[in-house]
Amino acid sequence: MSERTAKYSITMPRDLAEAARKRGGPSGLSAYVAAAVARQIERDNLDELIRVAEAEHGPIGDEEIQALRDRLHQARRGEGNAA
C-alpha cells in the first residue's frame, strides 16, 4: 500500500528548484523535495530531543561528546567494548 499524497504549491528560489530538479533524476522534483522535508523533520525532532535532555540533565560538554565519538569509532572498527 502506498502512502497517501496530496498536491501542494510551494514557492522557492529558482536556482534551488532547478538544482533539486536536476538531482531528482528519474524520481522527480516532488520525491526529492519530500525526502529533503523528511530529513529536516528528523533533524527538528532530534533538536527537540536534545533540548529536553539538556533541560533535564544539563548540557553535554565537548569532552563528553568526543569520548562518545571515540567509542563509536572504536565500535565501528571492532575495537573494544562499545557498551
N, C-alpha and C. Protein backbone atom coordinates (compact mmCIF):
# COMPACT_ATOMS: atom_id res chain seq x y z
N MET A 1 0.85 -1.17 0.00
CA MET A 1 0.00 0.00 0.00
C MET A 1 0.90 1.24 0.00
N SER A 2 0.60 2.19 -0.87
CA SER A 2 1.40 3.41 -0.93
C SER A 2 0.81 4.46 0.00
N GLU A 3 1.68 5.38 0.38
CA GLU A 3 1.23 6.47 1.24
C GLU A 3 0.31 7.40 0.46
N ARG A 4 -0.62 7.97 1.16
CA ARG A 4 -1.49 8.96 0.52
C ARG A 4 -0.69 10.22 0.26
N THR A 5 -0.94 10.81 -0.85
CA THR A 5 -0.25 12.05 -1.20
C THR A 5 -1.27 13.13 -1.50
N ALA A 6 -0.81 14.35 -1.50
CA ALA A 6 -1.63 15.49 -1.88
C ALA A 6 -0.73 16.44 -2.66
N LYS A 7 -1.32 17.23 -3.47
CA LYS A 7 -0.57 18.18 -4.28
C LYS A 7 -0.51 19.52 -3.54
N TYR A 8 0.69 20.12 -3.51
CA TYR A 8 0.90 21.40 -2.84
C TYR A 8 1.60 22.35 -3.80
N SER A 9 1.41 23.60 -3.57
CA SER A 9 2.12 24.63 -4.31
C SER A 9 3.08 25.29 -3.34
N ILE A 10 4.36 25.32 -3.69
CA ILE A 10 5.35 25.96 -2.83
C ILE A 10 6.09 27.02 -3.64
N THR A 11 6.67 27.95 -2.94
CA THR A 11 7.48 28.98 -3.56
C THR A 11 8.90 28.82 -3.02
N MET A 12 9.85 28.77 -3.94
CA MET A 12 11.24 28.64 -3.54
C MET A 12 12.12 29.32 -4.58
N PRO A 13 13.34 29.69 -4.20
CA PRO A 13 14.22 30.33 -5.17
C PRO A 13 14.42 29.45 -6.41
N ARG A 14 14.41 30.07 -7.55
CA ARG A 14 14.51 29.36 -8.82
C ARG A 14 15.77 28.50 -8.92
N ASP A 15 16.91 29.04 -8.45
CA ASP A 15 18.15 28.26 -8.55
C ASP A 15 18.09 26.99 -7.71
N LEU A 16 17.46 27.06 -6.54
CA LEU A 16 17.30 25.85 -5.72
C LEU A 16 16.37 24.85 -6.39
N ALA A 17 15.31 25.34 -6.98
CA ALA A 17 14.36 24.46 -7.65
C ALA A 17 15.03 23.75 -8.82
N GLU A 18 15.82 24.47 -9.60
CA GLU A 18 16.50 23.85 -10.74
C GLU A 18 17.54 22.84 -10.29
N ALA A 19 18.29 23.16 -9.23
CA ALA A 19 19.27 22.21 -8.72
C ALA A 19 18.58 20.96 -8.20
N ALA A 20 17.48 21.13 -7.50
CA ALA A 20 16.73 19.98 -6.98
C ALA A 20 16.15 19.16 -8.13
N ARG A 21 15.66 19.82 -9.16
CA ARG A 21 15.10 19.12 -10.31
C ARG A 21 16.18 18.25 -10.98
N LYS A 22 17.38 18.81 -11.14
CA LYS A 22 18.49 18.06 -11.74
C LYS A 22 18.87 16.86 -10.89
N ARG A 23 18.93 17.05 -9.57
CA ARG A 23 19.32 15.97 -8.67
C ARG A 23 18.20 14.95 -8.47
N GLY A 24 16.98 15.37 -8.70
CA GLY A 24 15.85 14.47 -8.52
C GLY A 24 15.85 13.31 -9.48
N GLY A 25 16.47 13.50 -10.62
CA GLY A 25 16.58 12.43 -11.61
C GLY A 25 15.24 11.80 -11.94
N PRO A 26 15.24 10.47 -12.12
CA PRO A 26 14.01 9.78 -12.52
C PRO A 26 12.89 9.88 -11.47
N SER A 27 13.26 10.04 -10.22
CA SER A 27 12.24 10.14 -9.16
C SER A 27 11.49 11.46 -9.23
N GLY A 28 12.13 12.47 -9.77
CA GLY A 28 11.48 13.75 -9.94
C GLY A 28 11.66 14.71 -8.78
N LEU A 29 11.26 15.93 -9.05
CA LEU A 29 11.38 17.01 -8.08
C LEU A 29 10.56 16.73 -6.82
N SER A 30 9.35 16.24 -6.99
CA SER A 30 8.50 16.00 -5.82
C SER A 30 9.12 15.01 -4.85
N ALA A 31 9.67 13.92 -5.36
CA ALA A 31 10.30 12.92 -4.49
C ALA A 31 11.53 13.50 -3.80
N TYR A 32 12.31 14.31 -4.53
CA TYR A 32 13.50 14.92 -3.97
C TYR A 32 13.13 15.87 -2.83
N VAL A 33 12.13 16.72 -3.06
CA VAL A 33 11.69 17.67 -2.05
C VAL A 33 11.09 16.93 -0.85
N ALA A 34 10.30 15.90 -1.10
CA ALA A 34 9.71 15.12 0.00
C ALA A 34 10.79 14.51 0.88
N ALA A 35 11.85 13.97 0.26
CA ALA A 35 12.95 13.39 1.03
C ALA A 35 13.67 14.46 1.85
N ALA A 36 13.86 15.64 1.27
CA ALA A 36 14.52 16.73 2.00
C ALA A 36 13.69 17.19 3.19
N VAL A 37 12.38 17.28 3.00
CA VAL A 37 11.50 17.67 4.09
C VAL A 37 11.51 16.62 5.19
N ALA A 38 11.50 15.34 4.81
CA ALA A 38 11.55 14.25 5.80
C ALA A 38 12.83 14.34 6.63
N ARG A 39 13.97 14.61 5.97
CA ARG A 39 15.24 14.75 6.70
C ARG A 39 15.19 15.93 7.66
N GLN A 40 14.60 17.04 7.22
CA GLN A 40 14.51 18.22 8.09
C GLN A 40 13.64 17.93 9.31
N ILE A 41 12.55 17.22 9.12
CA ILE A 41 11.68 16.86 10.25
C ILE A 41 12.45 15.98 11.23
N GLU A 42 13.24 15.02 10.72
CA GLU A 42 14.06 14.19 11.61
C GLU A 42 15.03 15.05 12.41
N ARG A 43 15.66 16.02 11.76
CA ARG A 43 16.59 16.91 12.46
C ARG A 43 15.87 17.75 13.51
N ASP A 44 14.70 18.27 13.15
CA ASP A 44 13.93 19.07 14.10
C ASP A 44 13.55 18.23 15.32
N ASN A 45 13.14 16.98 15.09
CA ASN A 45 12.79 16.09 16.20
C ASN A 45 14.01 15.80 17.07
N LEU A 46 15.15 15.59 16.46
CA LEU A 46 16.38 15.35 17.22
C LEU A 46 16.76 16.58 18.04
N ASP A 47 16.65 17.77 17.44
CA ASP A 47 16.95 19.00 18.18
C ASP A 47 16.04 19.14 19.40
N GLU A 48 14.77 18.80 19.22
CA GLU A 48 13.83 18.88 20.35
C GLU A 48 14.21 17.87 21.44
N LEU A 49 14.59 16.67 21.03
CA LEU A 49 15.01 15.65 22.00
C LEU A 49 16.24 16.12 22.77
N ILE A 50 17.18 16.73 22.08
CA ILE A 50 18.39 17.25 22.74
C ILE A 50 18.02 18.35 23.73
N ARG A 51 17.14 19.26 23.34
CA ARG A 51 16.72 20.34 24.25
C ARG A 51 16.07 19.78 25.52
N VAL A 52 15.22 18.78 25.36
CA VAL A 52 14.55 18.18 26.52
C VAL A 52 15.58 17.50 27.42
N ALA A 53 16.50 16.73 26.82
CA ALA A 53 17.52 16.03 27.60
C ALA A 53 18.43 17.01 28.33
N GLU A 54 18.83 18.08 27.64
CA GLU A 54 19.70 19.07 28.28
C GLU A 54 18.97 19.83 29.37
N ALA A 55 17.68 20.07 29.21
CA ALA A 55 16.92 20.75 30.25
C ALA A 55 16.85 19.88 31.51
N GLU A 56 16.78 18.58 31.30
CA GLU A 56 16.68 17.66 32.44
C GLU A 56 18.04 17.33 33.05
N HIS A 57 19.08 17.17 32.20
CA HIS A 57 20.38 16.68 32.68
C HIS A 57 21.51 17.68 32.54
N GLY A 58 21.25 18.82 31.93
CA GLY A 58 22.31 19.79 31.68
C GLY A 58 22.96 19.52 30.34
N PRO A 59 23.68 20.52 29.83
CA PRO A 59 24.31 20.37 28.52
C PRO A 59 25.44 19.34 28.55
N ILE A 60 25.66 18.74 27.40
CA ILE A 60 26.76 17.78 27.25
C ILE A 60 27.99 18.57 26.84
N GLY A 61 29.08 18.37 27.54
CA GLY A 61 30.31 19.09 27.25
C GLY A 61 31.05 18.51 26.06
N ASP A 62 31.98 19.31 25.53
CA ASP A 62 32.77 18.89 24.37
C ASP A 62 33.56 17.62 24.65
N GLU A 63 34.07 17.48 25.87
CA GLU A 63 34.86 16.29 26.22
C GLU A 63 33.98 15.04 26.20
N GLU A 64 32.76 15.16 26.70
CA GLU A 64 31.84 14.02 26.69
C GLU A 64 31.47 13.64 25.26
N ILE A 65 31.24 14.63 24.43
CA ILE A 65 30.91 14.37 23.02
C ILE A 65 32.07 13.66 22.34
N GLN A 66 33.29 14.13 22.57
CA GLN A 66 34.45 13.50 21.94
C GLN A 66 34.65 12.07 22.45
N ALA A 67 34.43 11.84 23.73
CA ALA A 67 34.55 10.48 24.27
C ALA A 67 33.54 9.54 23.62
N LEU A 68 32.32 10.02 23.42
CA LEU A 68 31.30 9.19 22.77
C LEU A 68 31.64 8.95 21.30
N ARG A 69 32.19 9.96 20.63
CA ARG A 69 32.64 9.77 19.24
C ARG A 69 33.74 8.72 19.17
N ASP A 70 34.67 8.79 20.11
CA ASP A 70 35.76 7.82 20.13
C ASP A 70 35.22 6.41 20.32
N ARG A 71 34.26 6.24 21.23
CA ARG A 71 33.65 4.92 21.45
C ARG A 71 32.95 4.43 20.20
N LEU A 72 32.26 5.31 19.51
CA LEU A 72 31.57 4.94 18.29
C LEU A 72 32.56 4.49 17.22
N HIS A 73 33.64 5.24 17.05
CA HIS A 73 34.66 4.87 16.06
C HIS A 73 35.30 3.53 16.42
N GLN A 74 35.56 3.31 17.69
CA GLN A 74 36.13 2.03 18.12
C GLN A 74 35.17 0.89 17.83
N ALA A 75 33.89 1.10 18.10
CA ALA A 75 32.89 0.07 17.85
C ALA A 75 32.80 -0.24 16.36
N ARG A 76 32.87 0.77 15.53
CA ARG A 76 32.82 0.56 14.07
C ARG A 76 34.02 -0.22 13.58
N ARG A 77 35.16 -0.03 14.22
CA ARG A 77 36.38 -0.76 13.83
C ARG A 77 36.44 -2.13 14.51
N GLY A 78 35.51 -2.38 15.41
CA GLY A 78 35.52 -3.66 16.13
C GLY A 78 36.51 -3.70 17.26
N GLU A 79 36.93 -2.54 17.75
CA GLU A 79 37.91 -2.47 18.84
C GLU A 79 37.19 -2.28 20.16
N GLY A 80 37.49 -3.09 21.10
CA GLY A 80 36.98 -2.89 22.46
C GLY A 80 35.49 -3.06 22.57
N ASN A 81 34.98 -2.76 23.73
CA ASN A 81 33.56 -2.90 24.02
C ASN A 81 32.90 -1.54 23.93
N ALA A 82 31.92 -1.39 23.03
CA ALA A 82 31.26 -0.10 22.84
C ALA A 82 30.15 0.14 23.85
N ALA A 83 29.85 -0.83 24.68
CA ALA A 83 28.75 -0.68 25.66
C ALA A 83 29.14 0.15 26.84
